[in-house]
Amino acid sequence: MHYLAAKTAVALSAAWSKGLQEARRRPDRGDISITTVIIWVAAIGGAIAIAGTIAAVVAKYNGKLSGI
């Protein structure tokens, strides 16, 4: 177990180091715009609202839907 944890830590450290080196090499790596963040938040919020609505409808009509 300790070997696996140490191996994972070394792998994560190497990946982090490689990522930092790449960021230093290419500082213009395309930062995310506020528009993209707004679109993603709206999409996730919409998906949660749709899932909640479906769950509420299923919970309301659960007894009536059992015969289908």
N, C-alpha and C. Protein backbone atom coordinates (compact mmCIF):
# COMPACT_ATOMS: atom_id res chain seq x y z
N MET A 1 0.82 -1.19 0.00
CA MET A 1 0.00 0.00 0.00
C MET A 1 0.87 1.25 0.00
N HIS A 2 1.92 1.24 0.83
CA HIS A 2 2.81 2.40 0.88
C HIS A 2 3.54 2.59 -0.45
N TYR A 3 3.88 1.48 -1.10
CA TYR A 3 4.56 1.54 -2.39
C TYR A 3 3.67 2.20 -3.44
N LEU A 4 2.40 1.83 -3.44
CA LEU A 4 1.46 2.39 -4.40
C LEU A 4 1.28 3.89 -4.17
N ALA A 5 1.17 4.29 -2.91
CA ALA A 5 1.01 5.71 -2.59
C ALA A 5 2.25 6.50 -3.00
N ALA A 6 3.43 5.94 -2.77
CA ALA A 6 4.66 6.62 -3.15
C ALA A 6 4.79 6.71 -4.67
N LYS A 7 4.43 5.63 -5.35
CA LYS A 7 4.50 5.62 -6.81
C LYS A 7 3.52 6.63 -7.41
N THR A 8 2.32 6.72 -6.84
CA THR A 8 1.32 7.68 -7.30
C THR A 8 1.80 9.10 -7.06
N ALA A 9 2.39 9.35 -5.90
CA ALA A 9 2.90 10.69 -5.58
C ALA A 9 4.00 11.10 -6.55
N VAL A 10 4.87 10.17 -6.88
CA VAL A 10 5.96 10.47 -7.82
C VAL A 10 5.39 10.76 -9.21
N ALA A 11 4.40 9.98 -9.63
CA ALA A 11 3.80 10.18 -10.94
C ALA A 11 3.07 11.52 -11.01
N LEU A 12 2.34 11.86 -9.96
CA LEU A 12 1.64 13.15 -9.93
C LEU A 12 2.62 14.31 -9.91
N SER A 13 3.69 14.16 -9.17
CA SER A 13 4.71 15.21 -9.11
C SER A 13 5.35 15.42 -10.47
N ALA A 14 5.63 14.33 -11.17
CA ALA A 14 6.24 14.43 -12.49
C ALA A 14 5.28 15.08 -13.48
N ALA A 15 4.01 14.72 -13.42
CA ALA A 15 3.02 15.31 -14.32
C ALA A 15 2.84 16.80 -14.03
N TRP A 16 2.82 17.17 -12.75
CA TRP A 16 2.70 18.58 -12.38
C TRP A 16 3.91 19.37 -12.88
N SER A 17 5.09 18.79 -12.70
CA SER A 17 6.32 19.45 -13.15
C SER A 17 6.32 19.63 -14.66
N LYS A 18 5.88 18.61 -15.37
CA LYS A 18 5.82 18.70 -16.83
C LYS A 18 4.83 19.78 -17.27
N GLY A 19 3.71 19.86 -16.60
CA GLY A 19 2.72 20.88 -16.91
C GLY A 19 3.24 22.28 -16.65
N LEU A 20 3.97 22.47 -15.56
CA LEU A 20 4.56 23.78 -15.27
C LEU A 20 5.61 24.16 -16.31
N GLN A 21 6.41 23.20 -16.72
CA GLN A 21 7.42 23.48 -17.75
C GLN A 21 6.74 23.89 -19.06
N GLU A 22 5.67 23.22 -19.42
CA GLU A 22 4.95 23.57 -20.64
C GLU A 22 4.33 24.96 -20.52
N ALA A 23 3.81 25.30 -19.35
CA ALA A 23 3.22 26.63 -19.16
C ALA A 23 4.28 27.72 -19.26
N ARG A 24 5.47 27.44 -18.77
CA ARG A 24 6.56 28.42 -18.88
C ARG A 24 7.02 28.55 -20.33
N ARG A 25 7.00 27.45 -21.06
CA ARG A 25 7.45 27.46 -22.45
C ARG A 25 6.45 28.19 -23.34
N ARG A 26 5.17 27.98 -23.08
CA ARG A 26 4.11 28.61 -23.89
C ARG A 26 3.19 29.41 -22.99
N PRO A 27 3.54 30.64 -22.68
CA PRO A 27 2.69 31.41 -21.77
C PRO A 27 1.35 31.80 -22.38
N ASP A 28 1.22 31.77 -23.68
CA ASP A 28 -0.04 32.11 -24.35
C ASP A 28 -0.86 30.85 -24.63
N ARG A 29 -1.11 30.08 -23.60
CA ARG A 29 -1.75 28.78 -23.80
C ARG A 29 -3.27 28.86 -23.91
N GLY A 30 -3.82 30.07 -24.04
CA GLY A 30 -5.25 30.21 -24.27
C GLY A 30 -6.06 30.19 -22.99
N ASP A 31 -5.98 31.25 -22.22
CA ASP A 31 -6.79 31.33 -21.01
C ASP A 31 -8.27 31.33 -21.37
N ILE A 32 -9.07 30.78 -20.49
CA ILE A 32 -10.50 30.64 -20.74
C ILE A 32 -11.16 32.02 -20.58
N SER A 33 -12.08 32.33 -21.46
CA SER A 33 -12.74 33.63 -21.42
C SER A 33 -13.95 33.58 -20.49
N ILE A 34 -14.39 34.76 -20.05
CA ILE A 34 -15.55 34.83 -19.17
C ILE A 34 -16.81 34.37 -19.89
N THR A 35 -16.88 34.57 -21.19
CA THR A 35 -18.03 34.11 -21.96
C THR A 35 -18.15 32.59 -21.91
N THR A 36 -17.03 31.92 -22.02
CA THR A 36 -17.04 30.46 -21.96
C THR A 36 -17.50 29.99 -20.59
N VAL A 37 -17.05 30.67 -19.55
CA VAL A 37 -17.46 30.30 -18.19
C VAL A 37 -18.97 30.49 -18.03
N ILE A 38 -19.49 31.61 -18.53
CA ILE A 38 -20.93 31.88 -18.43
C ILE A 38 -21.73 30.81 -19.17
N ILE A 39 -21.27 30.43 -20.35
CA ILE A 39 -21.97 29.40 -21.13
C ILE A 39 -21.96 28.07 -20.39
N TRP A 40 -20.82 27.67 -19.84
CA TRP A 40 -20.73 26.42 -19.11
C TRP A 40 -21.62 26.41 -17.87
N VAL A 41 -21.61 27.52 -17.12
CA VAL A 41 -22.45 27.60 -15.91
C VAL A 41 -23.92 27.51 -16.29
N ALA A 42 -24.31 28.21 -17.37
CA ALA A 42 -25.70 28.15 -17.82
C ALA A 42 -26.08 26.74 -18.28
N ALA A 43 -25.18 26.07 -18.98
CA ALA A 43 -25.47 24.71 -19.46
C ALA A 43 -25.62 23.74 -18.29
N ILE A 44 -24.73 23.84 -17.32
CA ILE A 44 -24.80 22.94 -16.16
C ILE A 44 -26.04 23.25 -15.33
N GLY A 45 -26.34 24.55 -15.15
CA GLY A 45 -27.55 24.92 -14.42
C GLY A 45 -28.80 24.43 -15.11
N GLY A 46 -28.84 24.54 -16.43
CA GLY A 46 -29.99 24.03 -17.18
C GLY A 46 -30.15 22.53 -17.06
N ALA A 47 -29.03 21.83 -17.12
CA ALA A 47 -29.08 20.37 -16.98
C ALA A 47 -29.58 19.96 -15.60
N ILE A 48 -29.13 20.67 -14.57
CA ILE A 48 -29.59 20.37 -13.21
C ILE A 48 -31.09 20.67 -13.07
N ALA A 49 -31.53 21.78 -13.66
CA ALA A 49 -32.95 22.13 -13.60
C ALA A 49 -33.81 21.08 -14.31
N ILE A 50 -33.36 20.63 -15.47
CA ILE A 50 -34.12 19.60 -16.21
C ILE A 50 -34.15 18.29 -15.42
N ALA A 51 -33.02 17.90 -14.87
CA ALA A 51 -32.97 16.66 -14.09
C ALA A 51 -33.87 16.77 -12.85
N GLY A 52 -33.87 17.93 -12.21
CA GLY A 52 -34.73 18.13 -11.04
C GLY A 52 -36.20 18.06 -11.40
N THR A 53 -36.55 18.66 -12.53
CA THR A 53 -37.94 18.63 -12.98
C THR A 53 -38.38 17.20 -13.29
N ILE A 54 -37.52 16.46 -13.97
CA ILE A 54 -37.85 15.06 -14.28
C ILE A 54 -38.00 14.27 -12.99
N ALA A 55 -37.13 14.48 -12.04
CA ALA A 55 -37.21 13.76 -10.76
C ALA A 55 -38.48 14.11 -10.01
N ALA A 56 -38.87 15.38 -10.04
CA ALA A 56 -40.10 15.79 -9.36
C ALA A 56 -41.33 15.18 -10.02
N VAL A 57 -41.37 15.14 -11.35
CA VAL A 57 -42.50 14.55 -12.06
C VAL A 57 -42.58 13.06 -11.79
N VAL A 58 -41.44 12.39 -11.82
CA VAL A 58 -41.43 10.95 -11.55
C VAL A 58 -41.86 10.67 -10.13
N ALA A 59 -41.41 11.48 -9.16
CA ALA A 59 -41.79 11.28 -7.78
C ALA A 59 -43.29 11.53 -7.59
N LYS A 60 -43.84 12.53 -8.28
CA LYS A 60 -45.27 12.84 -8.15
C LYS A 60 -46.15 11.74 -8.72
N TYR A 61 -45.77 11.22 -9.88
CA TYR A 61 -46.59 10.24 -10.57
C TYR A 61 -46.05 8.81 -10.44
N ASN A 62 -45.25 8.56 -9.43
CA ASN A 62 -44.62 7.25 -9.29
C ASN A 62 -45.64 6.11 -9.17
N GLY A 63 -46.68 6.31 -8.40
CA GLY A 63 -47.69 5.27 -8.23
C GLY A 63 -48.47 5.01 -9.51
N LYS A 64 -48.73 6.06 -10.26
CA LYS A 64 -49.50 5.92 -11.49
C LYS A 64 -48.66 5.32 -12.62
N LEU A 65 -47.35 5.51 -12.55
CA LEU A 65 -46.48 5.00 -13.61
C LEU A 65 -46.08 3.54 -13.40
N SER A 66 -46.38 2.98 -12.23
CA SER A 66 -45.91 1.63 -11.94
C SER A 66 -46.59 0.58 -12.82
N GLY A 67 -47.76 0.87 -13.36
CA GLY A 67 -48.46 -0.10 -14.21
C GLY A 67 -48.02 -0.08 -15.66
N ILE A 68 -47.16 0.82 -16.01
CA ILE A 68 -46.75 0.93 -17.42
C ILE A 68 -45.73 -0.14 -17.75
